[in-house]
């Protein structure tokens, strides 16, 4: 497992970027007719949500 140490500004920027991507995925999921593609997008959304949760719990760089 790799560990990243991010300063507060970098962490905030990364979190905002991930939140934006999750929002875009939700719209794409709602607009997608293909079951397989929708499932792949849901997996990606879940991965981004886990990453965002991990990011929120990681320590700041000193």
Protein backbone atom coordinates (compact mmCIF):
# COMPACT_ATOMS: atom_id res chain seq x y z
CA UNK A 1 0.00 0.00 0.00
CA UNK A 2 1.21 3.49 -0.83
CA UNK A 3 0.84 6.49 1.44
CA UNK A 4 0.59 10.10 0.33
CA UNK A 5 1.27 13.05 2.54
CA UNK A 6 -0.61 16.09 1.32
CA UNK A 7 -0.74 19.61 2.62
CA UNK A 8 -4.16 21.05 3.40
CA UNK A 9 -4.53 23.02 0.15
CA UNK A 10 -3.60 20.00 -1.96
CA UNK A 11 -5.92 17.72 -0.01
CA UNK A 12 -8.80 20.19 -0.41
CA UNK A 13 -8.18 20.55 -4.13
CA UNK A 14 -8.05 16.78 -4.58
CA UNK A 15 -11.23 16.30 -2.53
CA UNK A 16 -13.07 18.94 -4.59
CA UNK A 17 -11.91 17.29 -7.80
CA UNK A 18 -13.11 13.87 -6.64
CA UNK A 19 -16.46 15.30 -5.52
CA UNK A 20 -16.90 16.89 -8.94
CA UNK A 21 -16.09 13.60 -10.66
CA UNK A 22 -18.63 11.79 -8.47
CA UNK A 23 -21.29 14.33 -9.44
CA UNK A 24 -20.51 13.87 -13.12
CA UNK A 25 -20.64 10.09 -12.72
CA UNK A 26 -24.08 10.32 -11.10
CA UNK A 27 -25.39 12.26 -14.09
CA UNK A 28 -23.80 9.77 -16.49
CA UNK A 29 -25.28 6.83 -14.56
CA UNK A 30 -28.75 8.40 -14.76
CA UNK A 31 -28.41 9.02 -18.51
CA UNK A 32 -26.93 5.63 -19.46
CA UNK A 33 -29.13 3.00 -21.08
CA UNK A 34 -26.50 0.25 -21.17
CA UNK A 35 -26.71 -1.97 -18.08
CA UNK A 36 -23.06 -3.06 -18.31
CA UNK A 37 -21.79 0.49 -18.72
CA UNK A 38 -23.99 1.67 -15.84
CA UNK A 39 -22.58 -1.06 -13.60
CA UNK A 40 -19.01 -0.07 -14.51
CA UNK A 41 -19.81 3.56 -13.67
CA UNK A 42 -21.29 2.51 -10.30
CA UNK A 43 -18.10 0.63 -9.47
CA UNK A 44 -16.07 3.70 -10.40
CA UNK A 45 -18.32 5.89 -8.23
CA UNK A 46 -17.89 3.54 -5.26
CA UNK A 47 -14.11 3.61 -5.75
CA UNK A 48 -14.07 7.40 -5.78
CA UNK A 49 -16.24 7.54 -2.65
CA UNK A 50 -13.81 5.21 -0.84
CA UNK A 51 -10.89 7.35 -1.99
CA UNK A 52 -12.63 10.49 -0.75
CA UNK A 53 -13.29 8.85 2.64
CA UNK A 54 -9.66 7.72 2.86
CA UNK A 55 -8.51 11.20 1.95
CA UNK A 56 -10.64 12.72 4.70
CA UNK A 57 -9.04 10.43 7.27
CA UNK A 58 -5.42 10.77 6.17
CA UNK A 59 -2.98 12.89 8.16
CA UNK A 60 -1.68 16.17 6.78
CA UNK A 61 1.95 16.55 5.77
CA UNK A 62 4.06 18.30 8.37
